[in-house]
Amino acid sequence: MASPKRVPAGRRRPLRIVLKYGGHALRSGPDPVLDECAERWNAGDRIVLVHGGGPQIDAELARRGIPEQRVAGLRVTDAGTLETVEAVLCGTVNKALVRALCARGVNAVGVSGEDARLLTARRLVRDGVEFGLVGEITEVHTPLLQLLWRGGYLPVVAPLAVDAQDDTPLNVNADCAAGAIAGALRADLYINVTNVTRVRARSSDPTSEIAFLSAEEVARYIDSGDLTGNIVPKLQSAVEALIRDAHRAFVCGAATAPIAAALTGNGTEIVCRRNA
């Protein structure tokens, strides 16, 4: 049997990192998140960047005169809404990120969860409510991502999926997509980048930041109503990533380099017993 490869002294093992970059965190000017992605990629880490685009979608729906409908915070998606979602996520937002990474010396490639059936899903029905062309992920097919990695390309993933039954395109939550991908790749780090440095026990109180949250604490905070809004799917996706075999999961702010923040204790780490 061949001996395992040794990492030469002074060199660290490359990390597999899945980074979720939310639409609220995206910047038009200097961007420390993309700067760090480029630096880590060129140092040997393998990264998948999964992005959102909620504010950009809302703006385009308004421009097209398409009314927005949400139930329990989830976007109800009809055919007209899905067409807009695809245009914004796969076109505007995805390509802006690809261009920005290429400008930083990274061979970035934009794909969506529809490409090579990267993400398959079933129609979302919750508490008897149908959300139209909205899916919950059932399977992640990673060969496309691994092929891009082997070729030296950083995948930038738009969060859409195909229906497992009939290949209809489906809108999926970007946090859920990122967490599922992180778990399927058994990522060393899953980092959800948001507009706050850490999760706060009281959203308006910056002194209530939390350094560590167990999966049980996440569930208690959500059930009690202490944590609401956009932070909920971020935390749920972190728990899901760990359950699916990602090694570590964090929520970190976009104002600084989030990977370094996670590794130096400047974000919120979510832990499960099986991963502790």
Protein backbone atom coordinates (compact mmCIF):
# COMPACT_ATOMS: atom_id res chain seq x y z
CA MET A 1 0.00 0.00 0.00
CA ALA A 2 1.34 3.44 -0.93
CA SER A 3 2.37 5.69 1.94
CA PRO A 4 0.09 8.69 2.57
CA LYS A 5 1.32 11.96 1.13
CA ARG A 6 2.98 14.18 3.67
CA VAL A 7 2.57 17.94 3.77
CA PRO A 8 6.09 19.47 3.60
CA ALA A 9 7.23 21.34 6.71
CA GLY A 10 6.08 24.94 6.64
CA ARG A 11 3.12 24.19 4.35
CA ARG A 12 -0.44 23.64 5.52
CA ARG A 13 -2.92 21.20 4.05
CA PRO A 14 -5.22 22.89 1.51
CA LEU A 15 -8.75 23.36 2.82
CA ARG A 16 -12.04 22.64 1.09
CA ILE A 17 -14.17 25.70 1.73
CA VAL A 18 -17.79 26.48 0.80
CA LEU A 19 -18.60 30.15 1.18
CA LYS A 20 -22.16 31.50 1.04
CA TYR A 21 -22.18 35.17 0.01
CA GLY A 22 -25.59 36.75 0.60
CA GLY A 23 -27.25 39.35 -1.56
CA HIS A 24 -27.34 41.79 1.35
CA ALA A 25 -23.58 41.44 1.82
CA LEU A 26 -22.52 41.95 -1.81
CA ARG A 27 -20.46 45.09 -2.39
CA SER A 28 -19.95 47.29 -5.45
CA GLY A 29 -16.61 48.72 -4.26
CA PRO A 30 -13.66 47.17 -2.40
CA ASP A 31 -14.58 43.67 -1.34
CA PRO A 32 -12.57 41.94 1.42
CA VAL A 33 -14.55 38.72 0.92
CA LEU A 34 -13.52 38.31 -2.71
CA ASP A 35 -10.01 39.53 -1.92
CA GLU A 36 -9.65 36.75 0.63
CA CYS A 37 -11.18 34.16 -1.72
CA ALA A 38 -8.55 35.04 -4.33
CA GLU A 39 -5.73 34.96 -1.80
CA ARG A 40 -6.78 31.59 -0.35
CA TRP A 41 -7.45 30.08 -3.79
CA ASN A 42 -4.04 31.10 -5.10
CA ALA A 43 -2.48 29.67 -1.91
CA GLY A 44 -3.98 26.26 -2.72
CA ASP A 45 -7.35 26.11 -0.93
CA ARG A 46 -10.29 24.78 -2.95
CA ILE A 47 -13.34 27.05 -2.72
CA VAL A 48 -16.94 26.96 -3.90
CA LEU A 49 -18.71 30.31 -3.72
CA VAL A 50 -22.51 30.07 -3.48
CA HIS A 51 -24.32 33.38 -3.78
CA GLY A 52 -27.71 34.84 -3.05
CA GLY A 53 -29.39 37.82 -4.63
CA GLY A 54 -32.62 38.61 -2.79
CA PRO A 55 -32.35 42.43 -2.92
CA GLN A 56 -31.35 42.31 -6.59
CA ILE A 57 -34.31 40.04 -7.40
CA ASP A 58 -36.71 42.30 -5.50
CA ALA A 59 -35.48 45.32 -7.46
CA GLU A 60 -35.87 43.58 -10.81
CA LEU A 61 -39.35 42.27 -9.96
CA ALA A 62 -40.37 45.82 -9.08
CA ARG A 63 -38.88 47.12 -12.33
CA ARG A 64 -40.83 44.52 -14.32
CA GLY A 65 -44.03 45.22 -12.39
CA ILE A 66 -44.27 41.67 -11.02
CA PRO A 67 -45.84 41.61 -7.55
CA GLU A 68 -43.86 39.91 -4.82
CA GLN A 69 -45.55 37.36 -2.61
CA ARG A 70 -44.01 35.79 0.49
CA VAL A 71 -45.33 33.29 3.00
CA ALA A 72 -43.40 32.87 6.27
CA GLY A 73 -40.49 34.70 4.70
CA LEU A 74 -40.32 32.42 1.63
CA ARG A 75 -40.80 33.78 -1.88
CA VAL A 76 -43.79 32.25 -3.68
CA THR A 77 -42.51 31.65 -7.22
CA ASP A 78 -44.68 31.51 -10.33
CA ALA A 79 -43.36 31.21 -13.89
CA GLY A 80 -42.85 34.98 -14.31
CA THR A 81 -41.06 35.27 -11.01
CA LEU A 82 -38.83 32.27 -11.80
CA GLU A 83 -37.82 33.82 -15.13
CA THR A 84 -36.71 36.94 -13.25
CA VAL A 85 -34.93 34.90 -10.57
CA GLU A 86 -32.98 32.97 -13.21
CA ALA A 87 -32.05 36.14 -15.08
CA VAL A 88 -30.80 37.92 -11.97
CA LEU A 89 -29.05 35.01 -10.26
CA CYS A 90 -27.54 33.25 -13.28
CA GLY A 91 -26.89 36.43 -15.21
CA THR A 92 -26.46 39.67 -13.31
CA VAL A 93 -25.22 38.53 -9.89
CA ASN A 94 -23.34 35.39 -10.93
CA LYS A 95 -21.44 37.05 -13.75
CA ALA A 96 -20.58 40.10 -11.65
CA LEU A 97 -18.94 37.78 -9.10
CA VAL A 98 -17.15 35.80 -11.82
CA ARG A 99 -15.76 39.01 -13.35
CA ALA A 100 -14.68 40.30 -9.94
CA LEU A 101 -12.82 37.08 -9.12
CA CYS A 102 -11.19 36.91 -12.55
CA ALA A 103 -10.00 40.48 -12.03
CA ARG A 104 -8.28 39.21 -8.87
CA GLY A 105 -6.39 36.52 -10.76
CA VAL A 106 -8.79 33.62 -10.17
CA ASN A 107 -10.11 31.36 -12.95
CA ALA A 108 -13.72 31.55 -11.80
CA VAL A 109 -16.57 29.79 -13.61
CA GLY A 110 -20.25 30.55 -13.10
CA VAL A 111 -22.70 27.65 -12.89
CA SER A 112 -26.16 27.13 -11.46
CA GLY A 113 -27.62 24.22 -9.57
CA GLU A 114 -29.36 23.28 -12.81
CA ASP A 115 -26.06 22.57 -14.60
CA ALA A 116 -25.31 18.83 -14.75
CA ARG A 117 -28.15 18.42 -12.23
CA LEU A 118 -25.86 19.75 -9.52
CA LEU A 119 -28.90 20.28 -7.28
CA THR A 120 -32.09 18.25 -7.49
CA ALA A 121 -35.12 19.12 -5.41
CA ARG A 122 -38.79 18.43 -4.77
CA ARG A 123 -41.57 21.01 -4.73
CA LEU A 124 -41.81 22.74 -1.38
CA VAL A 125 -45.07 22.32 0.53
CA ARG A 126 -45.10 23.54 4.13
CA ASP A 127 -48.07 23.45 6.50
CA GLY A 128 -50.30 22.82 3.53
CA VAL A 129 -49.01 25.90 1.65
CA GLU A 130 -47.69 25.40 -1.88
CA PHE A 131 -44.93 27.79 -2.92
CA GLY A 132 -45.09 27.19 -6.66
CA LEU A 133 -41.73 26.72 -8.38
CA VAL A 134 -39.80 26.55 -5.11
CA GLY A 135 -37.82 23.47 -4.15
CA GLU A 136 -36.19 21.86 -1.16
CA ILE A 137 -32.98 20.07 -2.01
CA THR A 138 -33.03 16.29 -2.07
CA GLU A 139 -29.62 15.54 -3.56
CA VAL A 140 -26.32 17.22 -4.47
CA HIS A 141 -24.33 15.81 -7.39
CA THR A 142 -20.74 16.94 -6.82
CA PRO A 143 -18.78 15.62 -9.88
CA LEU A 144 -19.13 18.93 -11.74
CA LEU A 145 -17.64 20.87 -8.82
CA GLN A 146 -14.82 18.35 -8.37
CA LEU A 147 -14.08 18.43 -12.10
CA LEU A 148 -13.82 22.22 -12.02
CA TRP A 149 -11.55 22.06 -8.98
CA ARG A 150 -9.25 19.56 -10.70
CA GLY A 151 -9.09 21.83 -13.73
CA GLY A 152 -8.07 24.82 -11.62
CA TYR A 153 -11.44 26.62 -11.71
CA LEU A 154 -13.31 28.16 -8.79
CA PRO A 155 -17.06 27.42 -9.12
CA VAL A 156 -19.47 30.29 -8.46
CA VAL A 157 -22.90 28.71 -7.93
CA ALA A 158 -26.30 30.33 -8.46
CA PRO A 159 -28.92 28.68 -6.20
CA LEU A 160 -31.37 27.05 -8.58
CA ALA A 161 -32.24 23.37 -8.86
CA VAL A 162 -34.13 20.98 -11.09
CA ASP A 163 -37.18 19.01 -10.04
CA ALA A 164 -36.13 15.42 -9.40
CA GLN A 165 -39.31 14.22 -11.13
CA ASP A 166 -39.48 16.23 -14.37
CA ASP A 167 -36.40 18.54 -14.54
CA THR A 168 -38.51 21.68 -14.11
CA PRO A 169 -36.32 24.54 -12.83
CA LEU A 170 -36.93 25.40 -9.19
CA ASN A 171 -35.96 28.35 -7.02
CA VAL A 172 -34.16 27.21 -3.85
CA ASN A 173 -33.01 29.10 -0.80
CA ALA A 174 -29.34 30.08 -1.24
CA ASP A 175 -28.45 29.28 2.37
CA CYS A 176 -29.95 25.80 2.04
CA ALA A 177 -28.12 25.25 -1.25
CA ALA A 178 -24.78 26.29 0.24
CA GLY A 179 -25.19 24.12 3.33
CA ALA A 180 -26.17 21.09 1.25
CA ILE A 181 -23.17 21.58 -1.06
CA ALA A 182 -20.82 21.96 1.92
CA GLY A 183 -22.09 18.72 3.40
CA ALA A 184 -21.89 16.81 0.12
CA LEU A 185 -18.29 17.95 -0.42
CA ARG A 186 -17.42 17.21 3.22
CA ALA A 187 -16.04 20.71 3.36
CA ASP A 188 -13.44 21.55 5.98
CA LEU A 189 -15.15 24.91 6.42
CA TYR A 190 -18.66 26.11 5.63
CA ILE A 191 -18.87 29.87 6.11
CA ASN A 192 -22.07 31.87 5.72
CA VAL A 193 -21.10 35.49 5.13
CA THR A 194 -23.60 38.06 6.32
CA ASN A 195 -23.79 41.73 7.30
CA VAL A 196 -23.14 41.21 11.04
CA THR A 197 -19.88 40.12 12.66
CA ARG A 198 -21.55 37.40 14.74
CA VAL A 199 -25.00 36.06 15.47
CA ARG A 200 -26.70 38.21 18.10
CA ALA A 201 -28.99 36.89 20.82
CA ARG A 202 -30.83 40.23 20.48
CA SER A 203 -30.64 41.47 16.90
CA SER A 204 -30.48 45.19 17.80
CA ASP A 205 -27.89 44.72 20.56
CA PRO A 206 -24.27 44.40 19.33
CA THR A 207 -23.17 43.44 22.84
CA SER A 208 -25.20 40.21 22.64
CA GLU A 209 -22.93 38.52 20.09
CA ILE A 210 -22.55 34.74 20.43
CA ALA A 211 -19.25 32.96 19.78
CA PHE A 212 -20.59 29.36 19.77
CA LEU A 213 -24.02 27.84 19.21
CA SER A 214 -24.90 24.19 19.45
CA ALA A 215 -27.49 22.72 17.12
CA GLU A 216 -29.78 22.35 20.14
CA GLU A 217 -29.34 26.03 21.04
CA VAL A 218 -30.08 27.04 17.45
CA ALA A 219 -33.36 25.14 17.62
CA ARG A 220 -34.27 26.68 21.01
CA TYR A 221 -33.52 30.24 19.86
CA ILE A 222 -35.62 29.78 16.73
CA ASP A 223 -38.53 28.04 18.51
CA SER A 224 -38.62 30.76 21.19
CA GLY A 225 -38.74 33.53 18.58
CA ASP A 226 -35.54 35.12 19.91
CA LEU A 227 -33.92 34.67 16.50
CA THR A 228 -36.00 35.62 13.48
CA GLY A 229 -35.57 36.86 9.92
CA ASN A 230 -32.68 36.16 7.58
CA ILE A 231 -30.41 34.73 10.28
CA VAL A 232 -32.68 31.69 10.72
CA PRO A 233 -31.96 29.94 7.38
CA LYS A 234 -28.26 30.76 7.78
CA LEU A 235 -28.12 28.91 11.08
CA GLN A 236 -30.30 26.07 9.82
CA SER A 237 -28.04 25.65 6.80
CA ALA A 238 -24.99 25.49 9.07
CA VAL A 239 -26.58 22.71 11.12
CA GLU A 240 -27.58 20.90 7.93
CA ALA A 241 -24.02 21.18 6.56
CA LEU A 242 -22.65 19.57 9.73
CA ILE A 243 -25.26 16.81 9.70
CA ARG A 244 -24.32 16.10 6.06
CA ASP A 245 -20.61 15.78 7.05
CA ALA A 246 -19.05 19.23 6.71
CA HIS A 247 -16.37 19.49 9.39
CA ARG A 248 -16.95 23.02 10.73
CA ALA A 249 -19.60 25.71 10.13
CA PHE A 250 -19.61 29.44 10.84
CA VAL A 251 -21.57 32.66 10.40
CA CYS A 252 -19.17 35.58 9.85
CA GLY A 253 -19.36 39.22 8.79
CA ALA A 254 -18.50 40.59 5.36
CA ALA A 255 -16.66 43.67 6.62
CA THR A 256 -13.43 41.70 7.04
CA ALA A 257 -11.90 38.52 5.63
CA PRO A 258 -14.49 35.91 6.76
CA ILE A 259 -12.29 32.82 6.45
CA ALA A 260 -9.61 34.32 8.68
CA ALA A 261 -12.36 35.56 11.02
CA ALA A 262 -13.76 32.04 11.33
CA LEU A 263 -10.37 30.48 11.99
CA THR A 264 -9.42 33.09 14.61
CA GLY A 265 -12.68 33.01 16.56
CA ASN A 266 -14.17 36.24 15.23
CA GLY A 267 -17.43 34.74 14.00
CA THR A 268 -20.11 32.44 15.37
CA GLU A 269 -19.29 28.73 15.15
CA ILE A 270 -22.17 26.26 15.05
CA VAL A 271 -21.41 22.81 16.46
CA CYS A 272 -23.16 19.44 16.51
CA ARG A 273 -22.34 16.66 18.95
CA ARG A 274 -21.23 14.38 16.12
CA ASN A 275 -18.83 17.10 14.88
CA ALA A 276 -17.63 18.35 18.27
